[in-house]
Amino acid sequence: MSRRVSARTDMDIARRLMVSPLFKGMSVEDVGKCFTCSDALCVTYRKGEMIFTEEDEPNKLHILLEGGVRVGYDSFDGNRRVIGTFSSTGDIFGDILLFLGKKEYGVFAQATCETRIVVLPRDFMTGTCVNGCDYHKQLTSNLLMIFAGNAYALNMRLRILSCPTLRQKIAKMLSIYNDRDMTKAIDMTREELAEFLGVTRPSISRELMKMQDDGLVEIKGRKIFVLDPAEIEALN
């Protein structure tokens, strides 16, 4: 079972979550006040435990303190599809549906290891601080920036998935999530790649091996290095 404690007076939690984009431009004291005004909770989940299910009502903002979370849904064919993973302190998940007025999430969030989450009530995010705290405007501005970033990321993923072949999908992903000179390694497991691209793990493994044989990429463990940037761009 999950364990819940108040985050209101825990300044260590506030300091650790200063890395979250939600608290950009705020002092650690402001973050602490945020937890106090909102009656924030820090919830601990065991590996495999559901943070929320597809049927739960979206009424909380979830901020990852430590651990890992995967977000997905159960398809009609009985397979579980993962649409996002979160492993960095300060990551926010389940936020978009919070403000759409939906009665259900339609997706689940599950702890992939022992995980601690800070939870803020939806009403606190949509209203004004009852104590008139100055930080609330900054908090709202930060949330809008997060939504814009999520919308951009979704647009980039749609561009990748719209490519007709698996090789083109991989090439588009390598272009989008790399630097201009394509010198940065893409670090994802085969399972994560397969889930992201909507294909099976054997399919992604075979295509990556073919691309390596063709001199396009180099595979080192879970890292993918681009060897021929011009050809990767041409595939786009």
Protein backbone atom coordinates (compact mmCIF):
# COMPACT_ATOMS: atom_id res chain seq x y z
CA MET A 1 0.00 0.00 0.00
CA SER A 2 1.09 3.58 -0.63
CA ARG A 3 2.24 5.71 2.30
CA ARG A 4 1.14 9.34 2.60
CA VAL A 5 2.74 12.09 4.64
CA SER A 6 2.31 15.84 4.64
CA ALA A 7 4.83 17.80 2.57
CA ARG A 8 3.82 21.08 4.22
CA THR A 9 6.75 21.44 6.60
CA ASP A 10 9.37 19.34 4.81
CA MET A 11 11.84 21.89 3.40
CA ASP A 12 14.11 19.08 2.20
CA ILE A 13 11.40 18.10 -0.29
CA ALA A 14 11.07 21.75 -1.33
CA ARG A 15 14.83 22.02 -1.93
CA ARG A 16 14.95 18.83 -3.97
CA LEU A 17 12.06 19.91 -6.18
CA MET A 18 13.64 23.26 -7.04
CA VAL A 19 14.84 21.52 -10.24
CA SER A 20 11.24 21.12 -11.43
CA PRO A 21 10.16 23.50 -14.22
CA LEU A 22 6.99 24.05 -12.19
CA PHE A 23 9.01 26.00 -9.62
CA LYS A 24 11.28 27.95 -12.00
CA GLY A 25 11.96 31.47 -10.74
CA MET A 26 10.73 30.65 -7.24
CA SER A 27 12.74 30.51 -4.02
CA VAL A 28 12.85 27.45 -1.82
CA GLU A 29 10.77 29.41 0.68
CA ASP A 30 8.13 30.02 -2.02
CA VAL A 31 8.03 26.30 -2.82
CA GLY A 32 7.61 25.55 0.86
CA LYS A 33 4.75 28.05 1.06
CA CYS A 34 3.20 26.40 -1.98
CA PHE A 35 3.17 23.06 -0.17
CA THR A 36 1.70 24.68 2.94
CA CYS A 37 -1.06 26.58 1.13
CA SER A 38 -2.04 23.58 -0.98
CA ASP A 39 -1.83 20.94 1.77
CA ALA A 40 0.53 19.00 -0.48
CA LEU A 41 1.15 15.32 0.22
CA CYS A 42 4.23 13.19 -0.34
CA VAL A 43 3.12 9.68 -1.31
CA THR A 44 5.37 6.61 -1.47
CA TYR A 45 4.47 3.79 -3.89
CA ARG A 46 5.92 0.31 -4.13
CA LYS A 47 7.18 -1.15 -7.42
CA GLY A 48 4.22 -2.07 -9.63
CA GLU A 49 1.72 -0.06 -7.60
CA MET A 50 -0.73 2.14 -9.50
CA ILE A 51 -0.45 5.87 -8.87
CA PHE A 52 -3.69 6.38 -10.76
CA THR A 53 -5.78 4.13 -13.01
CA GLU A 54 -7.57 4.81 -16.28
CA GLU A 55 -10.87 5.15 -14.39
CA ASP A 56 -9.63 7.61 -11.74
CA GLU A 57 -10.73 11.24 -11.88
CA PRO A 58 -7.95 13.73 -12.70
CA ASN A 59 -7.88 15.96 -9.63
CA LYS A 60 -4.21 16.08 -8.60
CA LEU A 61 -0.93 17.31 -10.07
CA HIS A 62 1.83 14.72 -9.64
CA ILE A 63 5.51 15.68 -9.25
CA LEU A 64 8.16 12.96 -9.16
CA LEU A 65 10.46 13.24 -6.16
CA GLU A 66 12.38 9.99 -6.67
CA GLY A 67 11.91 6.67 -8.42
CA GLY A 68 10.29 5.99 -11.78
CA VAL A 69 6.85 6.12 -13.40
CA ARG A 70 5.41 4.80 -16.62
CA VAL A 71 2.20 6.12 -18.16
CA GLY A 72 0.14 4.09 -20.61
CA TYR A 73 -3.15 2.39 -21.39
CA ASP A 74 -4.61 -1.06 -21.93
CA SER A 75 -5.59 -1.55 -25.58
CA PHE A 76 -8.60 -3.49 -26.85
CA ASP A 77 -6.36 -6.39 -27.91
CA GLY A 78 -5.29 -6.86 -24.30
CA ASN A 79 -1.82 -5.37 -24.71
CA ARG A 80 -0.50 -2.68 -22.41
CA ARG A 81 0.83 0.35 -24.30
CA VAL A 82 3.34 2.69 -22.64
CA ILE A 83 3.19 6.28 -23.89
CA GLY A 84 5.60 7.94 -21.47
CA THR A 85 8.22 7.25 -18.82
CA PHE A 86 9.44 9.57 -16.06
CA SER A 87 12.58 9.11 -13.97
CA SER A 88 13.97 12.57 -13.14
CA THR A 89 13.32 14.49 -9.94
CA GLY A 90 10.83 17.26 -10.70
CA ASP A 91 9.15 15.50 -13.64
CA ILE A 92 5.42 16.22 -13.89
CA PHE A 93 2.90 13.73 -15.26
CA GLY A 94 -0.86 13.48 -15.66
CA ASP A 95 -1.03 17.26 -15.94
CA ILE A 96 -2.84 17.82 -19.25
CA LEU A 97 -6.01 15.94 -18.30
CA LEU A 98 -6.14 17.88 -15.05
CA PHE A 99 -7.70 20.89 -16.77
CA LEU A 100 -9.87 19.29 -19.48
CA GLY A 101 -12.85 18.58 -17.24
CA LYS A 102 -12.66 14.84 -17.95
CA LYS A 103 -14.14 12.40 -15.46
CA GLU A 104 -11.44 9.77 -16.09
CA TYR A 105 -7.73 9.84 -16.93
CA GLY A 106 -8.05 7.29 -19.72
CA VAL A 107 -4.44 6.33 -18.96
CA PHE A 108 -2.71 4.75 -15.98
CA ALA A 109 0.44 5.74 -14.09
CA GLN A 110 2.46 2.96 -12.45
CA ALA A 111 5.56 3.00 -10.25
CA THR A 112 8.44 1.11 -11.90
CA CYS A 113 10.34 0.94 -8.59
CA GLU A 114 9.81 2.33 -5.09
CA THR A 115 8.72 5.85 -5.90
CA ARG A 116 7.88 9.06 -4.03
CA ILE A 117 5.44 11.55 -5.53
CA VAL A 118 4.45 15.02 -4.32
CA VAL A 119 0.77 15.66 -4.99
CA LEU A 120 -0.86 19.09 -5.36
CA PRO A 121 -4.68 19.44 -5.51
CA ARG A 122 -6.16 20.61 -8.82
CA ASP A 123 -8.21 23.32 -7.11
CA PHE A 124 -5.03 24.93 -5.80
CA MET A 125 -3.58 25.09 -9.32
CA THR A 126 -6.71 26.56 -10.91
CA GLY A 127 -7.57 29.10 -8.20
CA THR A 128 -5.74 31.85 -6.40
CA CYS A 129 -3.83 31.37 -3.19
CA VAL A 130 -6.10 31.99 -0.20
CA ASN A 131 -3.16 33.62 1.57
CA GLY A 132 -2.48 36.00 -1.33
CA CYS A 133 1.06 34.67 -1.87
CA ASP A 134 3.00 36.46 -4.60
CA TYR A 135 4.49 33.24 -5.98
CA HIS A 136 1.16 32.00 -7.37
CA LYS A 137 1.41 34.04 -10.58
CA GLN A 138 4.86 32.58 -11.23
CA LEU A 139 3.49 29.09 -10.59
CA THR A 140 0.69 29.62 -13.12
CA SER A 141 3.12 31.02 -15.69
CA ASN A 142 5.40 28.02 -15.23
CA LEU A 143 2.50 25.63 -15.71
CA LEU A 144 1.59 27.30 -19.01
CA MET A 145 5.20 26.92 -20.17
CA ILE A 146 5.08 23.23 -19.29
CA PHE A 147 1.88 22.79 -21.30
CA ALA A 148 3.48 24.53 -24.28
CA GLY A 149 6.51 22.26 -24.03
CA ASN A 150 4.31 19.17 -23.87
CA ALA A 151 2.36 20.31 -26.93
CA TYR A 152 5.62 20.81 -28.82
CA ALA A 153 6.88 17.36 -27.80
CA LEU A 154 3.62 15.78 -28.96
CA ASN A 155 3.91 17.58 -32.30
CA MET A 156 7.45 16.24 -32.74
CA ARG A 157 6.33 12.71 -31.95
CA LEU A 158 3.50 12.97 -34.49
CA ARG A 159 6.05 14.02 -37.10
CA ILE A 160 8.07 10.91 -36.29
CA LEU A 161 5.11 8.53 -36.35
CA SER A 162 3.83 9.95 -39.64
CA CYS A 163 6.93 8.68 -41.48
CA PRO A 164 5.96 5.75 -43.76
CA THR A 165 8.76 3.28 -42.93
CA LEU A 166 10.42 2.20 -39.70
CA ARG A 167 13.83 3.32 -40.95
CA GLN A 168 12.44 6.78 -41.68
CA LYS A 169 10.83 6.91 -38.25
CA ILE A 170 14.16 6.10 -36.62
CA ALA A 171 15.98 8.65 -38.78
CA LYS A 172 13.44 11.36 -37.95
CA MET A 173 13.76 10.58 -34.24
CA LEU A 174 17.56 10.72 -34.44
CA SER A 175 17.32 14.12 -36.16
CA ILE A 176 14.78 15.66 -33.79
CA TYR A 177 16.30 14.48 -30.52
CA ASN A 178 19.91 15.26 -31.41
CA ASP A 179 22.03 18.38 -31.72
CA ARG A 180 22.58 20.14 -35.04
CA ASP A 181 25.70 18.12 -35.90
CA MET A 182 24.13 14.85 -34.64
CA THR A 183 27.05 14.22 -32.28
CA LYS A 184 24.89 13.34 -29.27
CA ALA A 185 23.99 9.72 -28.53
CA ILE A 186 20.34 8.75 -28.22
CA ASP A 187 20.07 6.76 -24.98
CA MET A 188 17.01 4.48 -24.93
CA THR A 189 16.46 0.78 -24.38
CA ARG A 190 15.03 -1.32 -27.22
CA GLU A 191 11.80 -1.62 -25.23
CA GLU A 192 11.55 2.16 -24.85
CA LEU A 193 12.25 2.67 -28.57
CA ALA A 194 9.67 0.07 -29.54
CA GLU A 195 7.03 1.63 -27.29
CA PHE A 196 7.83 5.14 -28.52
CA LEU A 197 7.62 4.16 -32.20
CA GLY A 198 4.67 1.80 -31.80
CA VAL A 199 6.45 -1.31 -33.11
CA THR A 200 7.68 -4.60 -31.66
CA ARG A 201 11.06 -4.93 -29.99
CA PRO A 202 12.36 -7.49 -32.56
CA SER A 203 11.41 -5.10 -35.39
CA ILE A 204 13.35 -2.19 -33.89
CA SER A 205 16.36 -4.42 -33.14
CA ARG A 206 16.46 -5.78 -36.71
CA GLU A 207 16.19 -2.34 -38.29
CA LEU A 208 18.89 -0.86 -36.07
CA MET A 209 21.24 -3.72 -36.97
CA LYS A 210 20.54 -3.10 -40.67
CA MET A 211 21.22 0.61 -40.23
CA GLN A 212 24.47 -0.21 -38.46
CA ASP A 213 25.46 -2.61 -41.27
CA ASP A 214 24.72 0.19 -43.76
CA GLY A 215 27.04 2.55 -41.88
CA LEU A 216 24.30 4.93 -40.77
CA VAL A 217 24.54 4.41 -37.02
CA GLU A 218 26.69 2.74 -34.40
CA ILE A 219 25.10 0.81 -31.53
CA LYS A 220 26.89 0.72 -28.17
CA GLY A 221 24.69 -0.95 -25.58
CA ARG A 222 21.56 1.16 -25.33
CA LYS A 223 23.17 4.17 -27.00
CA ILE A 224 22.73 5.02 -30.69
CA PHE A 225 25.35 7.19 -32.41
CA VAL A 226 24.81 8.73 -35.85
CA LEU A 227 27.69 7.94 -38.24
CA ASP A 228 26.28 9.47 -41.43
CA PRO A 229 24.32 12.65 -40.62
CA ALA A 230 23.79 13.53 -44.29
CA GLU A 231 22.15 10.20 -45.06
CA ILE A 232 20.05 10.34 -41.91
CA GLU A 233 18.82 13.78 -42.97
CA ALA A 234 18.13 12.47 -46.49
CA LEU A 235 15.86 9.80 -45.02
CA ASN A 236 13.74 12.57 -43.52
